[in-house]
Amino acid sequence: MTENMNTTFEHELKRLEKRVDALVKVCDQLQDENKSLKQRQDVLTAERANLLQKNEQVRARVEAMIGRLKAMEQGT
């Protein structure tokens, strides 16, 4: 009877060990994915800031052109 209980206990222990190993593997994968996503977010944030800056520069140039055109129109 004791041997049967030991076998059952060992079987359950091995089953739990496999589940823990699977959970550790999933956690490792999620950590890698999270790190990758954070890096991608940093890249996209920098790219967005760059695009906003370029957009502001273009807006200023267009406004300056409009101002010059209006001035030319009034001068004629």
N, C-alpha and C. Protein backbone atom coordinates (compact mmCIF):
# COMPACT_ATOMS: atom_id res chain seq x y z
N MET A 1 0.82 -1.19 0.00
CA MET A 1 0.00 0.00 0.00
C MET A 1 0.87 1.26 0.00
N THR A 2 1.93 1.27 0.81
CA THR A 2 2.82 2.42 0.88
C THR A 2 3.53 2.62 -0.45
N GLU A 3 3.91 1.53 -1.10
CA GLU A 3 4.58 1.62 -2.39
C GLU A 3 3.65 2.24 -3.43
N ASN A 4 2.39 1.87 -3.39
CA ASN A 4 1.39 2.42 -4.31
C ASN A 4 1.23 3.94 -4.08
N MET A 5 1.23 4.36 -2.82
CA MET A 5 1.11 5.78 -2.49
C MET A 5 2.34 6.54 -2.96
N ASN A 6 3.52 5.92 -2.79
CA ASN A 6 4.76 6.56 -3.24
C ASN A 6 4.76 6.73 -4.76
N THR A 7 4.29 5.73 -5.46
CA THR A 7 4.22 5.79 -6.92
C THR A 7 3.27 6.89 -7.36
N THR A 8 2.12 6.96 -6.69
CA THR A 8 1.14 8.00 -7.00
C THR A 8 1.72 9.38 -6.71
N PHE A 9 2.40 9.49 -5.59
CA PHE A 9 3.02 10.76 -5.21
C PHE A 9 4.08 11.16 -6.23
N GLU A 10 4.91 10.23 -6.64
CA GLU A 10 5.95 10.52 -7.63
C GLU A 10 5.33 10.92 -8.97
N HIS A 11 4.26 10.24 -9.33
CA HIS A 11 3.58 10.57 -10.58
C HIS A 11 3.03 12.00 -10.53
N GLU A 12 2.40 12.36 -9.44
CA GLU A 12 1.86 13.71 -9.28
C GLU A 12 2.97 14.75 -9.25
N LEU A 13 4.07 14.41 -8.60
CA LEU A 13 5.20 15.31 -8.53
C LEU A 13 5.78 15.57 -9.92
N LYS A 14 5.92 14.53 -10.72
CA LYS A 14 6.43 14.68 -12.08
C LYS A 14 5.47 15.50 -12.93
N ARG A 15 4.18 15.27 -12.73
CA ARG A 15 3.17 16.03 -13.47
C ARG A 15 3.26 17.52 -13.12
N LEU A 16 3.40 17.82 -11.84
CA LEU A 16 3.53 19.20 -11.40
C LEU A 16 4.83 19.82 -11.92
N GLU A 17 5.89 19.03 -11.93
CA GLU A 17 7.17 19.51 -12.43
C GLU A 17 7.06 19.90 -13.90
N LYS A 18 6.38 19.10 -14.69
CA LYS A 18 6.18 19.40 -16.10
C LYS A 18 5.36 20.68 -16.27
N ARG A 19 4.35 20.84 -15.44
CA ARG A 19 3.52 22.05 -15.52
C ARG A 19 4.33 23.29 -15.14
N VAL A 20 5.15 23.18 -14.11
CA VAL A 20 5.99 24.31 -13.70
C VAL A 20 6.99 24.64 -14.81
N ASP A 21 7.59 23.62 -15.40
CA ASP A 21 8.53 23.84 -16.50
C ASP A 21 7.83 24.55 -17.67
N ALA A 22 6.61 24.14 -17.97
CA ALA A 22 5.85 24.77 -19.04
C ALA A 22 5.56 26.23 -18.70
N LEU A 23 5.21 26.49 -17.45
CA LEU A 23 4.94 27.87 -17.03
C LEU A 23 6.20 28.74 -17.10
N VAL A 24 7.32 28.18 -16.72
CA VAL A 24 8.59 28.91 -16.80
C VAL A 24 8.90 29.24 -18.25
N LYS A 25 8.67 28.28 -19.14
CA LYS A 25 8.91 28.50 -20.56
C LYS A 25 8.01 29.62 -21.09
N VAL A 26 6.74 29.60 -20.72
CA VAL A 26 5.81 30.65 -21.15
C VAL A 26 6.25 32.01 -20.60
N CYS A 27 6.67 32.04 -19.35
CA CYS A 27 7.14 33.30 -18.74
C CYS A 27 8.36 33.84 -19.49
N ASP A 28 9.27 32.97 -19.83
CA ASP A 28 10.46 33.39 -20.59
C ASP A 28 10.07 33.96 -21.94
N GLN A 29 9.13 33.29 -22.62
CA GLN A 29 8.68 33.77 -23.92
C GLN A 29 8.00 35.12 -23.79
N LEU A 30 7.18 35.28 -22.77
CA LEU A 30 6.49 36.55 -22.56
C LEU A 30 7.46 37.68 -22.22
N GLN A 31 8.49 37.37 -21.45
CA GLN A 31 9.51 38.38 -21.15
C GLN A 31 10.23 38.82 -22.42
N ASP A 32 10.58 37.85 -23.27
CA ASP A 32 11.25 38.18 -24.53
C ASP A 32 10.34 39.04 -25.41
N GLU A 33 9.09 38.63 -25.49
CA GLU A 33 8.12 39.38 -26.30
C GLU A 33 7.92 40.79 -25.75
N ASN A 34 7.82 40.91 -24.44
CA ASN A 34 7.64 42.21 -23.80
C ASN A 34 8.85 43.11 -24.08
N LYS A 35 10.04 42.56 -23.98
CA LYS A 35 11.25 43.34 -24.26
C LYS A 35 11.25 43.82 -25.71
N SER A 36 10.89 42.93 -26.62
CA SER A 36 10.84 43.28 -28.03
C SER A 36 9.80 44.37 -28.29
N LEU A 37 8.65 44.25 -27.68
CA LEU A 37 7.59 45.24 -27.87
C LEU A 37 8.00 46.61 -27.29
N LYS A 38 8.69 46.61 -26.16
CA LYS A 38 9.15 47.87 -25.59
C LYS A 38 10.17 48.54 -26.50
N GLN A 39 11.07 47.73 -27.08
CA GLN A 39 12.05 48.29 -28.00
C GLN A 39 11.35 48.87 -29.23
N ARG A 40 10.38 48.15 -29.74
CA ARG A 40 9.62 48.62 -30.91
C ARG A 40 8.87 49.91 -30.57
N GLN A 41 8.31 49.97 -29.39
CA GLN A 41 7.60 51.18 -28.96
C GLN A 41 8.56 52.37 -28.89
N ASP A 42 9.75 52.14 -28.37
CA ASP A 42 10.75 53.21 -28.31
C ASP A 42 11.10 53.72 -29.71
N VAL A 43 11.27 52.79 -30.65
CA VAL A 43 11.59 53.17 -32.02
C VAL A 43 10.44 53.99 -32.62
N LEU A 44 9.22 53.50 -32.42
CA LEU A 44 8.07 54.20 -32.99
C LEU A 44 7.86 55.56 -32.34
N THR A 45 8.12 55.67 -31.05
CA THR A 45 7.99 56.95 -30.36
C THR A 45 8.99 57.96 -30.91
N ALA A 46 10.22 57.52 -31.12
CA ALA A 46 11.25 58.40 -31.69
C ALA A 46 10.88 58.79 -33.12
N GLU A 47 10.38 57.83 -33.89
CA GLU A 47 9.98 58.10 -35.27
C GLU A 47 8.83 59.11 -35.30
N ARG A 48 7.89 58.97 -34.40
CA ARG A 48 6.75 59.89 -34.32
C ARG A 48 7.22 61.30 -33.98
N ALA A 49 8.13 61.40 -33.02
CA ALA A 49 8.66 62.71 -32.65
C ALA A 49 9.36 63.36 -33.84
N ASN A 50 10.11 62.57 -34.59
CA ASN A 50 10.80 63.08 -35.77
C ASN A 50 9.80 63.55 -36.82
N LEU A 51 8.76 62.78 -37.05
CA LEU A 51 7.74 63.17 -38.03
C LEU A 51 6.99 64.42 -37.60
N LEU A 52 6.71 64.54 -36.32
CA LEU A 52 6.04 65.74 -35.82
C LEU A 52 6.92 66.97 -36.04
N GLN A 53 8.21 66.82 -35.80
CA GLN A 53 9.14 67.92 -36.00
C GLN A 53 9.19 68.33 -37.47
N LYS A 54 9.27 67.34 -38.35
CA LYS A 54 9.30 67.63 -39.79
C LYS A 54 7.99 68.30 -40.23
N ASN A 55 6.89 67.81 -39.70
CA ASN A 55 5.59 68.39 -40.03
C ASN A 55 5.53 69.86 -39.61
N GLU A 56 6.05 70.16 -38.45
CA GLU A 56 6.07 71.55 -37.96
C GLU A 56 6.95 72.42 -38.86
N GLN A 57 8.10 71.89 -39.30
CA GLN A 57 8.98 72.63 -40.19
C GLN A 57 8.29 72.92 -41.53
N VAL A 58 7.61 71.92 -42.07
CA VAL A 58 6.91 72.09 -43.34
C VAL A 58 5.78 73.11 -43.18
N ARG A 59 5.06 73.03 -42.08
CA ARG A 59 3.97 73.98 -41.83
C ARG A 59 4.51 75.40 -41.80
N ALA A 60 5.62 75.59 -41.11
CA ALA A 60 6.22 76.93 -41.02
C ALA A 60 6.66 77.43 -42.40
N ARG A 61 7.24 76.54 -43.20
CA ARG A 61 7.66 76.94 -44.55
C ARG A 61 6.48 77.30 -45.43
N VAL A 62 5.41 76.53 -45.33
CA VAL A 62 4.21 76.82 -46.13
C VAL A 62 3.61 78.16 -45.70
N GLU A 63 3.54 78.39 -44.40
CA GLU A 63 3.01 79.67 -43.92
C GLU A 63 3.87 80.82 -44.40
N ALA A 64 5.18 80.64 -44.40
CA ALA A 64 6.08 81.69 -44.88
C ALA A 64 5.85 81.95 -46.37
N MET A 65 5.67 80.88 -47.15
CA MET A 65 5.40 81.04 -48.58
C MET A 65 4.10 81.79 -48.81
N ILE A 66 3.08 81.42 -48.06
CA ILE A 66 1.79 82.09 -48.17
C ILE A 66 1.95 83.58 -47.85
N GLY A 67 2.72 83.87 -46.81
CA GLY A 67 2.97 85.27 -46.46
C GLY A 67 3.68 86.02 -47.57
N ARG A 68 4.67 85.39 -48.19
CA ARG A 68 5.39 86.03 -49.29
C ARG A 68 4.48 86.23 -50.51
N LEU A 69 3.64 85.24 -50.78
CA LEU A 69 2.72 85.38 -51.92
C LEU A 69 1.72 86.51 -51.69
N LYS A 70 1.23 86.62 -50.47
CA LYS A 70 0.30 87.71 -50.15
C LYS A 70 0.99 89.07 -50.30
N ALA A 71 2.24 89.12 -49.85
CA ALA A 71 3.00 90.37 -49.94
C ALA A 71 3.24 90.74 -51.41
N MET A 72 3.56 89.73 -52.23
CA MET A 72 3.77 89.98 -53.66
C MET A 72 2.48 90.45 -54.32
N GLU A 73 1.37 89.82 -53.91
CA GLU A 73 0.06 90.17 -54.47
C GLU A 73 -0.30 91.62 -54.14
N GLN A 74 -0.02 92.04 -52.94
CA GLN A 74 -0.33 93.40 -52.50
C GLN A 74 0.63 94.40 -53.14
N GLY A 75 1.81 93.98 -53.49
CA GLY A 75 2.80 94.88 -54.08
C GLY A 75 2.52 95.18 -55.53
N THR A 76 1.73 94.36 -56.18
CA THR A 76 1.47 94.61 -57.60
C THR A 76 0.27 95.44 -57.86
